[in-house]
Amino acid sequence: MPYGSCEELPAPVRDNLPRHAQEIYRKAFNSAWEQYRDADDRRGEDSREAVAHKVAWAAVKAVYEKNDAGDWVEK
């Protein structure tokens, strides 16, 4: 279930991340969705969707971090 736009992202992503971070999340999720299509390509028992979400959050955290106020800001 790749995301066609940021408006399709889960509410916690849309409601908390700045637009640029949402784009990073969407692109990383969609890429991981394709990359980890086969269960043999995934570690552990995580579903394809769970792996794609983990990859997407890791991609966001490589560029963004939470500040003291709890807002996501660019590093």
Protein backbone atom coordinates (compact mmCIF):
# COMPACT_ATOMS: atom_id res chain seq x y z
CA MET A 1 0.00 0.00 0.00
CA PRO A 2 2.37 2.70 -1.14
CA TYR A 3 1.37 6.29 -0.48
CA GLY A 4 0.58 8.47 -3.49
CA SER A 5 0.64 11.73 -1.56
CA CYS A 6 1.37 13.09 1.90
CA GLU A 7 -2.35 13.44 2.51
CA GLU A 8 -2.59 9.62 2.49
CA LEU A 9 0.01 9.17 5.25
CA PRO A 10 -1.14 7.96 8.68
CA ALA A 11 -2.47 10.74 10.92
CA PRO A 12 0.43 10.58 13.42
CA VAL A 13 2.85 11.27 10.57
CA ARG A 14 0.76 14.03 8.97
CA ASP A 15 -0.05 15.69 12.28
CA ASN A 16 3.48 15.73 13.71
CA LEU A 17 6.02 16.02 10.90
CA PRO A 18 6.78 19.10 8.81
CA ARG A 19 5.93 18.77 5.11
CA HIS A 20 9.53 18.06 4.05
CA ALA A 21 9.80 15.27 6.64
CA GLN A 22 6.48 13.85 5.38
CA GLU A 23 7.95 13.69 1.87
CA ILE A 24 11.01 11.88 3.21
CA TYR A 25 8.74 9.44 5.06
CA ARG A 26 6.54 8.80 2.01
CA LYS A 27 9.44 8.21 -0.36
CA ALA A 28 11.28 5.95 2.08
CA PHE A 29 8.12 3.97 2.85
CA ASN A 30 7.34 3.47 -0.83
CA SER A 31 10.90 2.40 -1.59
CA ALA A 32 10.98 -0.07 1.31
CA TRP A 33 7.55 -1.38 0.31
CA GLU A 34 9.06 -2.44 -3.01
CA GLN A 35 12.41 -3.55 -1.63
CA TYR A 36 10.98 -5.85 1.05
CA ARG A 37 8.23 -7.40 -1.08
CA ASP A 38 9.45 -10.93 -0.38
CA ALA A 39 9.39 -12.21 3.20
CA ASP A 40 12.84 -13.74 2.65
CA ASP A 41 14.24 -10.21 2.26
CA ARG A 42 13.02 -9.20 5.73
CA ARG A 43 14.60 -10.00 9.07
CA GLY A 44 12.41 -11.49 11.74
CA GLU A 45 8.67 -11.86 11.52
CA ASP A 46 7.75 -8.25 10.74
CA SER A 47 5.21 -7.70 8.01
CA ARG A 48 6.06 -5.87 4.82
CA GLU A 49 4.15 -2.84 6.09
CA ALA A 50 5.86 -2.84 9.50
CA VAL A 51 9.29 -2.96 7.88
CA ALA A 52 8.39 -0.13 5.49
CA HIS A 53 7.23 2.05 8.42
CA LYS A 54 10.46 1.33 10.34
CA VAL A 55 12.55 2.27 7.31
CA ALA A 56 10.51 5.44 6.80
CA TRP A 57 10.96 6.58 10.41
CA ALA A 58 14.69 5.86 10.22
CA ALA A 59 14.92 8.01 7.09
CA VAL A 60 13.13 10.88 8.84
CA LYS A 61 15.33 10.58 11.94
CA ALA A 62 18.45 10.83 9.78
CA VAL A 63 17.42 14.38 8.82
CA TYR A 64 15.08 15.51 11.62
CA GLU A 65 15.04 15.38 15.41
CA LYS A 66 12.64 16.42 18.13
CA ASN A 67 13.50 19.63 19.93
CA ASP A 68 12.89 20.32 23.63
CA ALA A 69 9.33 21.41 22.83
CA GLY A 70 8.63 18.08 21.13
CA ASP A 71 8.55 19.51 17.61
CA TRP A 72 10.32 17.85 14.70
CA VAL A 73 13.06 20.14 13.38
CA GLU A 74 15.77 19.72 10.79
CA LYS A 75 19.14 18.73 12.26
